[in-house]
Full PDB file with SEQRES, HELIX, SHEET, SSBOND, CRYST1, ORIGX, SCALE, CONECT and MASTER records, all heavy atoms in Angstrom:
SEQRES   1 A   29  ALA LEU VAL ILE LYS PRO ARG LEU LEU LEU ALA ASP GLU          
SEQRES   2 A   29  PRO THR GLY ASN LEU ASP SER GLN ASN THR GLU ARG LEU          
SEQRES   3 A   29  LEU GLU LEU                                                  
HELIX    1 AA1 SER A   20  GLU A   28  1                                   9    
CRYST1    1.000    1.000    1.000  90.00  90.00  90.00 P 1           1          
ORIGX1      1.000000  0.000000  0.000000        0.00000                         
ORIGX2      0.000000  1.000000  0.000000        0.00000                         
ORIGX3      0.000000  0.000000  1.000000        0.00000                         
SCALE1      1.000000  0.000000  0.000000        0.00000                         
SCALE2      0.000000  1.000000  0.000000        0.00000                         
SCALE3      0.000000  0.000000  1.000000        0.00000                         
ATOM      1  N   ALA A   1     -10.877 -68.184  26.839  1.00  0.00           N  
ATOM      2  CA  ALA A   1     -10.354 -66.937  26.268  1.00  0.00           C  
ATOM      3  C   ALA A   1     -11.322 -66.343  25.253  1.00  0.00           C  
ATOM      4  O   ALA A   1     -11.432 -65.119  25.138  1.00  0.00           O  
ATOM      5  CB  ALA A   1      -9.002 -67.205  25.611  1.00  0.00           C  
ATOM      6  N   LEU A   2     -12.017 -67.194  24.506  1.00  0.00           N  
ATOM      7  CA  LEU A   2     -12.859 -66.721  23.413  1.00  0.00           C  
ATOM      8  C   LEU A   2     -14.292 -66.415  23.833  1.00  0.00           C  
ATOM      9  O   LEU A   2     -15.016 -65.750  23.087  1.00  0.00           O  
ATOM     10  CB  LEU A   2     -12.872 -67.753  22.285  1.00  0.00           C  
ATOM     11  CG  LEU A   2     -11.548 -67.973  21.567  1.00  0.00           C  
ATOM     12  CD1 LEU A   2     -11.708 -69.031  20.486  1.00  0.00           C  
ATOM     13  CD2 LEU A   2     -11.036 -66.678  20.962  1.00  0.00           C  
ATOM     14  N   VAL A   3     -14.705 -66.889  25.009  1.00  0.00           N  
ATOM     15  CA  VAL A   3     -16.110 -66.714  25.401  1.00  0.00           C  
ATOM     16  C   VAL A   3     -16.464 -65.246  25.597  1.00  0.00           C  
ATOM     17  O   VAL A   3     -17.625 -64.862  25.470  1.00  0.00           O  
ATOM     18  CB  VAL A   3     -16.409 -67.536  26.678  1.00  0.00           C  
ATOM     19  CG1 VAL A   3     -15.824 -66.862  27.928  1.00  0.00           C  
ATOM     20  CG2 VAL A   3     -17.911 -67.777  26.830  1.00  0.00           C  
ATOM     21  N   ILE A   4     -15.481 -64.391  25.862  1.00  0.00           N  
ATOM     22  CA  ILE A   4     -15.758 -62.955  26.007  1.00  0.00           C  
ATOM     23  C   ILE A   4     -15.898 -62.276  24.656  1.00  0.00           C  
ATOM     24  O   ILE A   4     -16.164 -61.081  24.589  1.00  0.00           O  
ATOM     25  CB  ILE A   4     -14.663 -62.257  26.833  1.00  0.00           C  
ATOM     26  CG1 ILE A   4     -13.323 -62.274  26.087  1.00  0.00           C  
ATOM     27  CG2 ILE A   4     -14.542 -62.875  28.228  1.00  0.00           C  
ATOM     28  CD1 ILE A   4     -12.253 -61.390  26.711  1.00  0.00           C  
ATOM     29  N   LYS A   5     -15.689 -63.044  23.569  1.00  0.00           N  
ATOM     30  CA  LYS A   5     -15.728 -62.522  22.202  1.00  0.00           C  
ATOM     31  C   LYS A   5     -14.732 -61.376  22.015  1.00  0.00           C  
ATOM     32  O   LYS A   5     -15.101 -60.251  21.655  1.00  0.00           O  
ATOM     33  CB  LYS A   5     -17.144 -62.100  21.832  1.00  0.00           C  
ATOM     34  CG  LYS A   5     -18.114 -63.264  21.825  1.00  0.00           C  
ATOM     35  CD  LYS A   5     -19.503 -62.859  21.382  1.00  0.00           C  
ATOM     36  CE  LYS A   5     -20.422 -64.076  21.353  1.00  0.00           C  
ATOM     37  NZ  LYS A   5     -21.818 -63.717  20.956  1.00  0.00           N  
ATOM     38  N   PRO A   6     -13.458 -61.657  22.250  1.00  0.00           N  
ATOM     39  CA  PRO A   6     -12.448 -60.603  22.174  1.00  0.00           C  
ATOM     40  C   PRO A   6     -12.169 -60.200  20.724  1.00  0.00           C  
ATOM     41  O   PRO A   6     -12.399 -60.965  19.795  1.00  0.00           O  
ATOM     42  CB  PRO A   6     -11.216 -61.260  22.788  1.00  0.00           C  
ATOM     43  CG  PRO A   6     -11.373 -62.712  22.431  1.00  0.00           C  
ATOM     44  CD  PRO A   6     -12.856 -62.970  22.536  1.00  0.00           C  
ATOM     45  N   ARG A   7     -11.641 -59.015  20.564  1.00  0.00           N  
ATOM     46  CA  ARG A   7     -11.167 -58.602  19.238  1.00  0.00           C  
ATOM     47  C   ARG A   7      -9.767 -59.137  18.980  1.00  0.00           C  
ATOM     48  O   ARG A   7      -9.370 -59.334  17.839  1.00  0.00           O  
ATOM     49  CB  ARG A   7     -11.145 -57.075  19.144  1.00  0.00           C  
ATOM     50  CG  ARG A   7     -12.491 -56.417  19.376  1.00  0.00           C  
ATOM     51  CD  ARG A   7     -12.409 -54.950  19.080  1.00  0.00           C  
ATOM     52  NE  ARG A   7     -13.590 -54.240  19.524  1.00  0.00           N  
ATOM     53  CZ  ARG A   7     -14.071 -53.162  18.922  1.00  0.00           C  
ATOM     54  NH1 ARG A   7     -13.474 -52.682  17.855  1.00  0.00           N  
ATOM     55  NH2 ARG A   7     -15.134 -52.543  19.384  1.00  0.00           N  
ATOM     56  N   LEU A   8      -9.015 -59.320  20.055  1.00  0.00           N  
ATOM     57  CA  LEU A   8      -7.617 -59.740  19.953  1.00  0.00           C  
ATOM     58  C   LEU A   8      -7.384 -60.944  20.848  1.00  0.00           C  
ATOM     59  O   LEU A   8      -7.798 -60.954  22.009  1.00  0.00           O  
ATOM     60  CB  LEU A   8      -6.697 -58.596  20.378  1.00  0.00           C  
ATOM     61  CG  LEU A   8      -5.199 -58.896  20.480  1.00  0.00           C  
ATOM     62  CD1 LEU A   8      -4.608 -59.178  19.106  1.00  0.00           C  
ATOM     63  CD2 LEU A   8      -4.468 -57.722  21.144  1.00  0.00           C  
ATOM     64  N   LEU A   9      -6.712 -61.966  20.321  1.00  0.00           N  
ATOM     65  CA  LEU A   9      -6.317 -63.123  21.110  1.00  0.00           C  
ATOM     66  C   LEU A   9      -4.802 -63.161  21.206  1.00  0.00           C  
ATOM     67  O   LEU A   9      -4.108 -63.185  20.190  1.00  0.00           O  
ATOM     68  CB  LEU A   9      -6.824 -64.420  20.467  1.00  0.00           C  
ATOM     69  CG  LEU A   9      -6.469 -65.709  21.213  1.00  0.00           C  
ATOM     70  CD1 LEU A   9      -7.188 -65.789  22.552  1.00  0.00           C  
ATOM     71  CD2 LEU A   9      -6.813 -66.946  20.360  1.00  0.00           C  
ATOM     72  N   LEU A  10      -4.283 -63.130  22.432  1.00  0.00           N  
ATOM     73  CA  LEU A  10      -2.858 -63.265  22.699  1.00  0.00           C  
ATOM     74  C   LEU A  10      -2.606 -64.662  23.241  1.00  0.00           C  
ATOM     75  O   LEU A  10      -3.240 -65.069  24.217  1.00  0.00           O  
ATOM     76  CB  LEU A  10      -2.400 -62.215  23.722  1.00  0.00           C  
ATOM     77  CG  LEU A  10      -2.632 -60.747  23.356  1.00  0.00           C  
ATOM     78  CD1 LEU A  10      -2.214 -59.850  24.507  1.00  0.00           C  
ATOM     79  CD2 LEU A  10      -1.885 -60.373  22.087  1.00  0.00           C  
ATOM     80  N   ALA A  11      -1.692 -65.386  22.628  1.00  0.00           N  
ATOM     81  CA  ALA A  11      -1.422 -66.764  23.046  1.00  0.00           C  
ATOM     82  C   ALA A  11       0.072 -66.941  23.265  1.00  0.00           C  
ATOM     83  O   ALA A  11       0.878 -66.605  22.396  1.00  0.00           O  
ATOM     84  CB  ALA A  11      -1.926 -67.751  21.998  1.00  0.00           C  
ATOM     85  N   ASP A  12       0.429 -67.460  24.428  1.00  0.00           N  
ATOM     86  CA  ASP A  12       1.829 -67.634  24.813  1.00  0.00           C  
ATOM     87  C   ASP A  12       2.156 -69.121  24.847  1.00  0.00           C  
ATOM     88  O   ASP A  12       1.766 -69.833  25.768  1.00  0.00           O  
ATOM     89  CB  ASP A  12       2.065 -66.999  26.191  1.00  0.00           C  
ATOM     90  CG  ASP A  12       3.542 -66.936  26.546  1.00  0.00           C  
ATOM     91  OD1 ASP A  12       4.380 -67.335  25.722  1.00  0.00           O  
ATOM     92  OD2 ASP A  12       3.854 -66.476  27.654  1.00  0.00           O  
ATOM     93  N   GLU A  13       2.819 -69.598  23.806  1.00  0.00           N  
ATOM     94  CA  GLU A  13       3.190 -71.015  23.699  1.00  0.00           C  
ATOM     95  C   GLU A  13       1.981 -71.923  23.936  1.00  0.00           C  
ATOM     96  O   GLU A  13       2.026 -72.815  24.793  1.00  0.00           O  
ATOM     97  CB  GLU A  13       4.310 -71.360  24.689  1.00  0.00           C  
ATOM     98  CG  GLU A  13       5.602 -70.614  24.459  1.00  0.00           C  
ATOM     99  CD  GLU A  13       6.353 -71.093  23.220  1.00  0.00           C  
ATOM    100  OE1 GLU A  13       5.885 -72.028  22.549  1.00  0.00           O  
ATOM    101  OE2 GLU A  13       7.402 -70.512  22.927  1.00  0.00           O  
ATOM    102  N   PRO A  14       0.883 -71.746  23.203  1.00  0.00           N  
ATOM    103  CA  PRO A  14      -0.333 -72.515  23.498  1.00  0.00           C  
ATOM    104  C   PRO A  14      -0.194 -74.009  23.258  1.00  0.00           C  
ATOM    105  O   PRO A  14      -1.003 -74.790  23.766  1.00  0.00           O  
ATOM    106  CB  PRO A  14      -1.366 -71.899  22.546  1.00  0.00           C  
ATOM    107  CG  PRO A  14      -0.554 -71.367  21.408  1.00  0.00           C  
ATOM    108  CD  PRO A  14       0.707 -70.863  22.043  1.00  0.00           C  
ATOM    109  N   THR A  15       0.816 -74.418  22.486  1.00  0.00           N  
ATOM    110  CA  THR A  15       1.009 -75.848  22.224  1.00  0.00           C  
ATOM    111  C   THR A  15       2.267 -76.380  22.906  1.00  0.00           C  
ATOM    112  O   THR A  15       2.701 -77.493  22.618  1.00  0.00           O  
ATOM    113  CB  THR A  15       1.104 -76.108  20.709  1.00  0.00           C  
ATOM    114  OG1 THR A  15       2.250 -75.422  20.182  1.00  0.00           O  
ATOM    115  CG2 THR A  15      -0.142 -75.622  19.989  1.00  0.00           C  
ATOM    116  N   GLY A  16       2.834 -75.603  23.828  1.00  0.00           N  
ATOM    117  CA  GLY A  16       4.118 -75.977  24.429  1.00  0.00           C  
ATOM    118  C   GLY A  16       4.110 -77.282  25.179  1.00  0.00           C  
ATOM    119  O   GLY A  16       5.133 -77.957  25.272  1.00  0.00           O  
ATOM    120  N   ASN A  17       2.951 -77.662  25.728  1.00  0.00           N  
ATOM    121  CA  ASN A  17       2.865 -78.903  26.497  1.00  0.00           C  
ATOM    122  C   ASN A  17       2.083 -79.997  25.778  1.00  0.00           C  
ATOM    123  O   ASN A  17       1.670 -80.972  26.397  1.00  0.00           O  
ATOM    124  CB  ASN A  17       2.206 -78.623  27.858  1.00  0.00           C  
ATOM    125  CG  ASN A  17       3.119 -77.841  28.777  1.00  0.00           C  
ATOM    126  OD1 ASN A  17       4.303 -78.138  28.882  1.00  0.00           O  
ATOM    127  ND2 ASN A  17       2.581 -76.831  29.422  1.00  0.00           N  
ATOM    128  N   LEU A  18       1.890 -79.828  24.465  1.00  0.00           N  
ATOM    129  CA  LEU A  18       1.097 -80.795  23.709  1.00  0.00           C  
ATOM    130  C   LEU A  18       1.971 -81.608  22.778  1.00  0.00           C  
ATOM    131  O   LEU A  18       3.000 -81.135  22.291  1.00  0.00           O  
ATOM    132  CB  LEU A  18       0.031 -80.057  22.883  1.00  0.00           C  
ATOM    133  CG  LEU A  18      -0.956 -79.179  23.656  1.00  0.00           C  
ATOM    134  CD1 LEU A  18      -1.953 -78.548  22.682  1.00  0.00           C  
ATOM    135  CD2 LEU A  18      -1.685 -79.967  24.737  1.00  0.00           C  
ATOM    136  N   ASP A  19       1.531 -82.839  22.511  1.00  0.00           N  
ATOM    137  CA  ASP A  19       2.232 -83.665  21.537  1.00  0.00           C  
ATOM    138  C   ASP A  19       1.877 -83.199  20.127  1.00  0.00           C  
ATOM    139  O   ASP A  19       1.049 -82.308  19.932  1.00  0.00           O  
ATOM    140  CB  ASP A  19       1.904 -85.148  21.742  1.00  0.00           C  
ATOM    141  CG  ASP A  19       0.412 -85.458  21.616  1.00  0.00           C  
ATOM    142  OD1 ASP A  19      -0.319 -84.711  20.943  1.00  0.00           O  
ATOM    143  OD2 ASP A  19      -0.028 -86.464  22.219  1.00  0.00           O  
ATOM    144  N   SER A  20       2.522 -83.791  19.132  1.00  0.00           N  
ATOM    145  CA  SER A  20       2.360 -83.313  17.760  1.00  0.00           C  
ATOM    146  C   SER A  20       0.918 -83.447  17.266  1.00  0.00           C  
ATOM    147  O   SER A  20       0.422 -82.582  16.541  1.00  0.00           O  
ATOM    148  CB  SER A  20       3.308 -84.071  16.825  1.00  0.00           C  
ATOM    149  OG  SER A  20       3.062 -85.465  16.885  1.00  0.00           O  
ATOM    150  N   GLN A  21       0.240 -84.511  17.661  1.00  0.00           N  
ATOM    151  CA  GLN A  21      -1.132 -84.709  17.213  1.00  0.00           C  
ATOM    152  C   GLN A  21      -2.063 -83.644  17.786  1.00  0.00           C  
ATOM    153  O   GLN A  21      -2.875 -83.058  17.064  1.00  0.00           O  
ATOM    154  CB  GLN A  21      -1.625 -86.106  17.613  1.00  0.00           C  
ATOM    155  CG  GLN A  21      -3.005 -86.451  17.057  1.00  0.00           C  
ATOM    156  CD  GLN A  21      -3.415 -87.879  17.386  1.00  0.00           C  
ATOM    157  OE1 GLN A  21      -3.028 -88.423  18.420  1.00  0.00           O  
ATOM    158  NE2 GLN A  21      -4.186 -88.486  16.514  1.00  0.00           N  
ATOM    159  N   ASN A  22      -1.926 -83.380  19.082  1.00  0.00           N  
ATOM    160  CA  ASN A  22      -2.762 -82.361  19.704  1.00  0.00           C  
ATOM    161  C   ASN A  22      -2.393 -80.962  19.236  1.00  0.00           C  
ATOM    162  O   ASN A  22      -3.247 -80.077  19.157  1.00  0.00           O  
ATOM    163  CB  ASN A  22      -2.667 -82.453  21.231  1.00  0.00           C  
ATOM    164  CG  ASN A  22      -3.602 -83.504  21.801  1.00  0.00           C  
ATOM    165  OD1 ASN A  22      -4.789 -83.520  21.498  1.00  0.00           O  
ATOM    166  ND2 ASN A  22      -3.066 -84.393  22.618  1.00  0.00           N  
ATOM    167  N   THR A  23      -1.109 -80.752  18.921  1.00  0.00           N  
ATOM    168  CA  THR A  23      -0.690 -79.465  18.358  1.00  0.00           C  
ATOM    169  C   THR A  23      -1.396 -79.217  17.035  1.00  0.00           C  
ATOM    170  O   THR A  23      -1.914 -78.122  16.781  1.00  0.00           O  
ATOM    171  CB  THR A  23       0.834 -79.445  18.150  1.00  0.00           C  
ATOM    172  OG1 THR A  23       1.485 -79.462  19.429  1.00  0.00           O  
ATOM    173  CG2 THR A  23       1.270 -78.194  17.400  1.00  0.00           C  
ATOM    174  N   GLU A  24      -1.444 -80.231  16.188  1.00  0.00           N  
ATOM    175  CA  GLU A  24      -2.105 -80.094  14.887  1.00  0.00           C  
ATOM    176  C   GLU A  24      -3.592 -79.823  15.057  1.00  0.00           C  
ATOM    177  O   GLU A  24      -4.175 -78.981  14.364  1.00  0.00           O  
ATOM    178  CB  GLU A  24      -1.897 -81.364  14.065  1.00  0.00           C  
ATOM    179  CG  GLU A  24      -2.461 -81.279  12.657  1.00  0.00           C  
ATOM    180  CD  GLU A  24      -2.133 -82.509  11.822  1.00  0.00           C  
ATOM    181  OE1 GLU A  24      -1.322 -83.334  12.266  1.00  0.00           O  
ATOM    182  OE2 GLU A  24      -2.711 -82.628  10.729  1.00  0.00           O  
ATOM    183  N   ARG A  25      -4.220 -80.533  16.004  1.00  0.00           N  
ATOM    184  CA  ARG A  25      -5.652 -80.329  16.244  1.00  0.00           C  
ATOM    185  C   ARG A  25      -5.934 -78.914  16.738  1.00  0.00           C  
ATOM    186  O   ARG A  25      -6.886 -78.262  16.293  1.00  0.00           O  
ATOM    187  CB  ARG A  25      -6.159 -81.343  17.275  1.00  0.00           C  
ATOM    188  CG  ARG A  25      -6.253 -82.758  16.756  1.00  0.00           C  
ATOM    189  CD  ARG A  25      -6.644 -83.717  17.860  1.00  0.00           C  
ATOM    190  NE  ARG A  25      -6.776 -85.083  17.381  1.00  0.00           N  
ATOM    191  CZ  ARG A  25      -6.942 -86.141  18.171  1.00  0.00           C  
ATOM    192  NH1 ARG A  25      -6.974 -85.970  19.492  1.00  0.00           N  
ATOM    193  NH2 ARG A  25      -7.047 -87.342  17.658  1.00  0.00           N  
ATOM    194  N   LEU A  26      -5.096 -78.423  17.659  1.00  0.00           N  
ATOM    195  CA  LEU A  26      -5.302 -77.083  18.189  1.00  0.00           C  
ATOM    196  C   LEU A  26      -5.078 -76.032  17.105  1.00  0.00           C  
ATOM    197  O   LEU A  26      -5.799 -75.036  17.027  1.00  0.00           O  
ATOM    198  CB  LEU A  26      -4.384 -76.825  19.383  1.00  0.00           C  
ATOM    199  CG  LEU A  26      -4.667 -75.527  20.153  1.00  0.00           C  
ATOM    200  CD1 LEU A  26      -6.027 -75.599  20.840  1.00  0.00           C  
ATOM    201  CD2 LEU A  26      -3.589 -75.254  21.190  1.00  0.00           C  
ATOM    202  N   LEU A  27      -4.094 -76.260  16.245  1.00  0.00           N  
ATOM    203  CA  LEU A  27      -3.826 -75.336  15.143  1.00  0.00           C  
ATOM    204  C   LEU A  27      -5.030 -75.256  14.208  1.00  0.00           C  
ATOM    205  O   LEU A  27      -5.455 -74.162  13.809  1.00  0.00           O  
ATOM    206  CB  LEU A  27      -2.584 -75.788  14.376  1.00  0.00           C  
ATOM    207  CG  LEU A  27      -2.198 -74.973  13.147  1.00  0.00           C  
ATOM    208  CD1 LEU A  27      -1.899 -73.535  13.542  1.00  0.00           C  
ATOM    209  CD2 LEU A  27      -0.994 -75.594  12.455  1.00  0.00           C  
ATOM    210  N   GLU A  28      -5.598 -76.394  13.870  1.00  0.00           N  
ATOM    211  CA  GLU A  28      -6.776 -76.420  13.001  1.00  0.00           C  
ATOM    212  C   GLU A  28      -7.952 -75.718  13.668  1.00  0.00           C  
ATOM    213  O   GLU A  28      -8.710 -74.990  13.018  1.00  0.00           O  
ATOM    214  CB  GLU A  28      -7.139 -77.863  12.662  1.00  0.00           C  
ATOM    215  CG  GLU A  28      -6.118 -78.557  11.765  1.00  0.00           C  
ATOM    216  CD  GLU A  28      -6.405 -80.038  11.594  1.00  0.00           C  
ATOM    217  OE1 GLU A  28      -7.328 -80.547  12.281  1.00  0.00           O  
ATOM    218  OE2 GLU A  28      -5.722 -80.683  10.794  1.00  0.00           O  
ATOM    219  N   LEU A  29      -8.097 -75.926  14.967  1.00  0.00           N  
ATOM    220  CA  LEU A  29      -9.191 -75.302  15.703  1.00  0.00           C  
ATOM    221  C   LEU A  29      -9.034 -73.785  15.745  1.00  0.00           C  
ATOM    222  O   LEU A  29      -9.988 -73.038  15.512  1.00  0.00           O  
ATOM    223  CB  LEU A  29      -9.245 -75.868  17.125  1.00  0.00           C  
ATOM    224  CG  LEU A  29     -10.310 -75.291  18.053  1.00  0.00           C  
ATOM    225  CD1 LEU A  29     -11.702 -75.536  17.481  1.00  0.00           C  
ATOM    226  CD2 LEU A  29     -10.189 -75.911  19.440  1.00  0.00           C  
TER     227      LEU A  29                                                      
MASTER        0    0    0    1    0    0    0    6  226    1    0    3          
END                                                                             
């Protein structure tokens, strides 16, 4: 999603299938 260098990022439940640890990592990222 980011490789096109967008001005706007739309994310639909990006952590919906992740456990709590991976959710935290993705949030930090």
